């Protein structure tokens, strides 16, 4: 049996499938764990020895559906929808 071309034809069992958190095909079916993001762990997998890997997955690389709204509200001082009271002008 050779190690190369002939052996590759026999590979038809999938050990990894799509992860519901990161979307990559890294969720190990038997281990029930994603090798990319460590799902179902609460914290996402990241290590300081892989700076590029952290850069790919950090905040700002996706949609930021909620965070961009929070940033806009922060600039306006988190207005609540109530009209500001009129400032009384004191004449002196």
N, C-alpha and C. Protein backbone atom coordinates (compact mmCIF):
# COMPACT_ATOMS: atom_id res chain seq x y z
N UNK A 1 0.85 -1.19 0.00
CA UNK A 1 0.00 0.00 0.00
C UNK A 1 0.88 1.24 0.00
N UNK A 2 0.63 2.14 -0.94
CA UNK A 2 1.41 3.36 -1.00
C UNK A 2 0.77 4.44 -0.13
N UNK A 3 1.58 5.45 0.18
CA UNK A 3 1.11 6.52 1.05
C UNK A 3 0.38 7.61 0.27
N UNK A 4 0.53 7.64 -1.02
CA UNK A 4 0.07 8.79 -1.80
C UNK A 4 -1.26 8.63 -2.50
N UNK A 5 -1.22 8.72 -3.82
CA UNK A 5 -2.43 8.83 -4.65
C UNK A 5 -3.45 7.74 -4.38
N UNK A 6 -3.01 6.51 -4.26
CA UNK A 6 -3.94 5.41 -4.05
C UNK A 6 -4.70 5.51 -2.74
N UNK A 7 -4.04 6.00 -1.71
CA UNK A 7 -4.66 6.11 -0.40
C UNK A 7 -5.70 7.23 -0.35
N UNK A 8 -5.48 8.27 -1.13
CA UNK A 8 -6.39 9.42 -1.09
C UNK A 8 -7.77 9.08 -1.64
N UNK A 9 -7.85 8.07 -2.51
CA UNK A 9 -9.13 7.66 -3.05
C UNK A 9 -10.03 6.99 -2.03
N UNK A 10 -9.45 6.51 -0.93
CA UNK A 10 -10.22 5.79 0.08
C UNK A 10 -10.80 6.72 1.15
N UNK A 11 -10.49 8.02 1.06
CA UNK A 11 -10.94 8.95 2.11
C UNK A 11 -12.34 9.48 1.76
N UNK A 12 -13.36 8.95 2.43
CA UNK A 12 -14.72 9.43 2.18
C UNK A 12 -15.53 9.62 3.46
N UNK A 13 -14.90 9.52 4.61
CA UNK A 13 -15.59 9.80 5.87
C UNK A 13 -15.20 11.18 6.35
N UNK A 14 -16.20 11.98 6.72
CA UNK A 14 -15.93 13.34 7.17
C UNK A 14 -15.82 13.37 8.69
N UNK A 15 -14.69 13.87 9.17
CA UNK A 15 -14.53 14.01 10.62
C UNK A 15 -15.01 15.38 11.08
N UNK A 16 -14.95 16.38 10.20
CA UNK A 16 -15.38 17.73 10.54
C UNK A 16 -16.57 18.16 9.69
N UNK A 17 -17.45 18.96 10.32
CA UNK A 17 -18.58 19.54 9.60
C UNK A 17 -18.67 21.01 9.97
N UNK A 18 -19.68 21.73 9.45
CA UNK A 18 -19.79 23.17 9.67
C UNK A 18 -20.09 23.49 11.14
N UNK A 19 -19.43 24.50 11.65
CA UNK A 19 -19.65 24.98 13.01
C UNK A 19 -20.74 26.04 12.97
N UNK A 20 -21.65 26.01 13.95
CA UNK A 20 -22.75 26.98 13.92
C UNK A 20 -22.32 28.34 14.44
N UNK A 21 -21.18 28.43 15.14
CA UNK A 21 -20.72 29.73 15.63
C UNK A 21 -19.81 30.44 14.64
N UNK A 22 -18.77 29.77 14.16
CA UNK A 22 -17.80 30.45 13.28
C UNK A 22 -18.07 30.19 11.81
N UNK A 23 -18.86 29.18 11.48
CA UNK A 23 -19.21 28.91 10.09
C UNK A 23 -18.18 28.12 9.31
N UNK A 24 -17.03 27.80 9.93
CA UNK A 24 -16.00 27.04 9.23
C UNK A 24 -16.27 25.55 9.34
N UNK A 25 -15.70 24.78 8.46
CA UNK A 25 -15.87 23.33 8.49
C UNK A 25 -14.86 22.73 9.47
N UNK A 26 -14.99 23.09 10.74
CA UNK A 26 -14.02 22.71 11.76
C UNK A 26 -14.64 22.04 12.96
N UNK A 27 -15.95 21.79 12.94
CA UNK A 27 -16.63 21.17 14.07
C UNK A 27 -16.44 19.66 13.99
N UNK A 28 -15.73 19.10 14.97
CA UNK A 28 -15.43 17.67 14.98
C UNK A 28 -16.66 16.91 15.45
N UNK A 29 -17.14 15.98 14.63
CA UNK A 29 -18.41 15.32 14.89
C UNK A 29 -18.35 14.41 16.11
N UNK A 30 -17.26 13.65 16.26
CA UNK A 30 -17.16 12.73 17.39
C UNK A 30 -16.80 13.47 18.68
N UNK A 31 -15.89 14.43 18.59
CA UNK A 31 -15.48 15.17 19.80
C UNK A 31 -16.52 16.20 20.22
N UNK A 32 -17.44 16.58 19.30
CA UNK A 32 -18.44 17.62 19.54
C UNK A 32 -17.77 18.94 19.93
N UNK A 33 -16.71 19.31 19.21
CA UNK A 33 -15.97 20.52 19.52
C UNK A 33 -15.39 21.10 18.23
N UNK A 34 -15.43 22.45 18.13
CA UNK A 34 -14.88 23.11 16.95
C UNK A 34 -13.40 23.38 17.17
N UNK A 35 -12.59 23.04 16.19
CA UNK A 35 -11.15 23.25 16.32
C UNK A 35 -10.76 24.69 16.01
N UNK A 36 -11.67 25.45 15.40
CA UNK A 36 -11.37 26.84 15.05
C UNK A 36 -11.72 27.79 16.19
N UNK A 37 -12.95 27.67 16.71
CA UNK A 37 -13.42 28.64 17.70
C UNK A 37 -13.68 28.01 19.07
N UNK A 38 -13.50 26.72 19.22
CA UNK A 38 -13.66 25.96 20.46
C UNK A 38 -15.12 25.86 20.92
N UNK A 39 -16.08 26.09 20.01
CA UNK A 39 -17.49 25.89 20.35
C UNK A 39 -17.68 24.47 20.81
N UNK A 40 -18.43 24.17 21.86
CA UNK A 40 -19.40 24.95 22.61
C UNK A 40 -18.83 25.69 23.82
N UNK A 41 -17.53 25.89 23.90
CA UNK A 41 -16.97 26.66 25.01
C UNK A 41 -17.51 28.09 24.96
N UNK A 42 -17.65 28.71 26.11
CA UNK A 42 -18.23 30.05 26.18
C UNK A 42 -17.33 31.08 25.51
N UNK A 43 -16.02 30.94 25.71
CA UNK A 43 -15.07 31.90 25.13
C UNK A 43 -14.54 31.38 23.80
N UNK A 44 -14.37 32.30 22.86
CA UNK A 44 -13.84 31.93 21.55
C UNK A 44 -12.35 31.60 21.65
N UNK A 45 -11.91 30.63 20.88
CA UNK A 45 -10.51 30.19 20.92
C UNK A 45 -9.60 31.22 20.28
N UNK A 46 -8.59 31.68 21.02
CA UNK A 46 -7.56 32.57 20.46
C UNK A 46 -6.32 32.47 21.31
N UNK A 47 -5.17 32.58 20.66
CA UNK A 47 -3.89 32.46 21.35
C UNK A 47 -2.97 33.60 20.96
N UNK A 48 -2.12 34.01 21.89
CA UNK A 48 -1.22 35.13 21.64
C UNK A 48 -0.10 34.76 20.66
N UNK A 49 0.16 33.46 20.47
CA UNK A 49 1.22 33.08 19.54
C UNK A 49 0.77 33.20 18.10
N UNK A 50 -0.53 33.43 17.87
CA UNK A 50 -1.03 33.59 16.51
C UNK A 50 -1.64 34.98 16.36
N UNK A 51 -0.81 35.96 16.05
CA UNK A 51 -1.28 37.34 15.91
C UNK A 51 -2.18 37.47 14.69
N UNK A 52 -1.81 36.82 13.59
CA UNK A 52 -2.62 36.88 12.37
C UNK A 52 -4.01 36.27 12.59
N UNK A 53 -4.04 35.15 13.33
CA UNK A 53 -5.31 34.50 13.61
C UNK A 53 -6.24 35.37 14.43
N UNK A 54 -5.68 36.12 15.38
CA UNK A 54 -6.49 37.03 16.18
C UNK A 54 -7.00 38.19 15.33
N UNK A 55 -6.16 38.65 14.40
CA UNK A 55 -6.53 39.77 13.54
C UNK A 55 -7.70 39.40 12.63
N UNK A 56 -7.76 38.15 12.19
CA UNK A 56 -8.83 37.72 11.30
C UNK A 56 -10.18 37.65 12.00
N UNK A 57 -10.17 37.35 13.30
CA UNK A 57 -11.42 37.09 14.00
C UNK A 57 -11.84 38.21 14.94
N UNK A 58 -11.09 39.32 15.00
CA UNK A 58 -11.34 40.34 16.01
C UNK A 58 -12.57 41.18 15.68
N UNK A 59 -12.97 42.03 16.61
CA UNK A 59 -14.11 42.92 16.43
C UNK A 59 -13.82 43.88 15.28
N UNK A 60 -14.79 44.03 14.39
CA UNK A 60 -14.62 44.93 13.26
C UNK A 60 -14.41 44.19 11.95
N UNK A 61 -14.22 42.88 11.99
CA UNK A 61 -14.03 42.12 10.76
C UNK A 61 -15.35 41.58 10.24
N UNK A 62 -16.40 41.68 11.03
CA UNK A 62 -17.72 41.20 10.63
C UNK A 62 -18.70 42.34 10.44
N UNK A 63 -19.97 42.06 10.64
CA UNK A 63 -21.02 43.05 10.42
C UNK A 63 -21.07 44.10 11.52
N UNK A 64 -20.77 43.71 12.75
CA UNK A 64 -20.90 44.57 13.93
C UNK A 64 -22.32 45.14 14.01
N UNK A 65 -23.32 44.28 13.84
CA UNK A 65 -24.72 44.68 13.74
C UNK A 65 -25.16 45.55 14.92
N UNK A 66 -24.77 45.19 16.13
CA UNK A 66 -25.18 45.95 17.31
C UNK A 66 -24.16 47.02 17.67
N UNK A 67 -22.87 46.71 17.55
CA UNK A 67 -21.84 47.61 18.07
C UNK A 67 -21.76 48.93 17.31
N UNK A 68 -22.07 48.90 16.00
CA UNK A 68 -22.03 50.17 15.26
C UNK A 68 -23.19 51.08 15.66
N UNK A 69 -24.30 50.49 16.12
CA UNK A 69 -25.41 51.28 16.63
C UNK A 69 -25.05 51.88 17.99
N UNK A 70 -24.38 51.08 18.82
CA UNK A 70 -23.96 51.57 20.14
C UNK A 70 -22.98 52.72 20.00
N UNK A 71 -22.08 52.64 19.03
CA UNK A 71 -21.10 53.72 18.81
C UNK A 71 -21.81 55.01 18.42
N UNK A 72 -22.82 54.91 17.56
CA UNK A 72 -23.58 56.10 17.15
C UNK A 72 -24.34 56.69 18.34
N UNK A 73 -24.94 55.84 19.16
CA UNK A 73 -25.67 56.32 20.33
C UNK A 73 -24.74 56.96 21.35
N UNK A 74 -23.51 56.45 21.44
CA UNK A 74 -22.52 57.00 22.37
C UNK A 74 -22.16 58.43 21.98
N UNK A 75 -22.00 58.67 20.67
CA UNK A 75 -21.65 60.01 20.21
C UNK A 75 -22.75 61.02 20.51
N UNK A 76 -24.02 60.55 20.56
CA UNK A 76 -25.14 61.44 20.86
C UNK A 76 -25.52 61.45 22.34
N UNK A 77 -24.71 60.82 23.16
CA UNK A 77 -24.96 60.84 24.60
C UNK A 77 -26.09 59.94 25.06
N UNK A 78 -26.36 58.85 24.34
CA UNK A 78 -27.41 57.87 24.70
C UNK A 78 -28.74 58.55 24.96
N UNK A 79 -29.26 59.25 23.95
CA UNK A 79 -30.55 59.93 24.07
C UNK A 79 -31.66 58.90 24.26
N UNK A 80 -32.66 59.25 25.06
CA UNK A 80 -33.71 58.30 25.40
C UNK A 80 -35.01 58.53 24.63
N UNK A 81 -35.10 59.57 23.82
CA UNK A 81 -36.32 59.84 23.07
C UNK A 81 -37.18 60.91 23.71
N UNK A 82 -36.78 61.34 24.91
CA UNK A 82 -37.49 62.42 25.59
C UNK A 82 -36.88 63.75 25.17
N UNK A 83 -37.74 64.72 24.86
CA UNK A 83 -37.24 66.02 24.42
C UNK A 83 -36.50 66.72 25.55
N UNK A 84 -35.43 67.41 25.18
CA UNK A 84 -34.66 68.13 26.19
C UNK A 84 -35.46 69.33 26.69
N UNK A 85 -35.42 69.62 28.00
CA UNK A 85 -36.16 70.78 28.52
C UNK A 85 -35.54 72.08 28.01
N UNK A 86 -36.41 73.07 27.78
CA UNK A 86 -35.93 74.35 27.32
C UNK A 86 -35.13 75.06 28.40
N UNK A 87 -34.01 75.63 28.00
CA UNK A 87 -33.20 76.37 28.95
C UNK A 87 -33.79 77.76 29.14
N UNK A 88 -34.02 78.15 30.38
CA UNK A 88 -34.58 79.47 30.67
C UNK A 88 -33.46 80.49 30.60
N UNK A 89 -33.70 81.55 29.84
CA UNK A 89 -32.70 82.61 29.69
C UNK A 89 -32.92 83.60 30.83
N UNK A 90 -31.87 83.82 31.59
CA UNK A 90 -31.95 84.80 32.70
C UNK A 90 -31.43 86.13 32.22
N UNK A 91 -32.26 87.15 32.33
CA UNK A 91 -31.83 88.49 31.92
C UNK A 91 -31.29 89.25 33.13
N UNK A 92 -30.15 89.87 32.95
CA UNK A 92 -29.57 90.62 34.06
C UNK A 92 -29.13 92.00 33.67
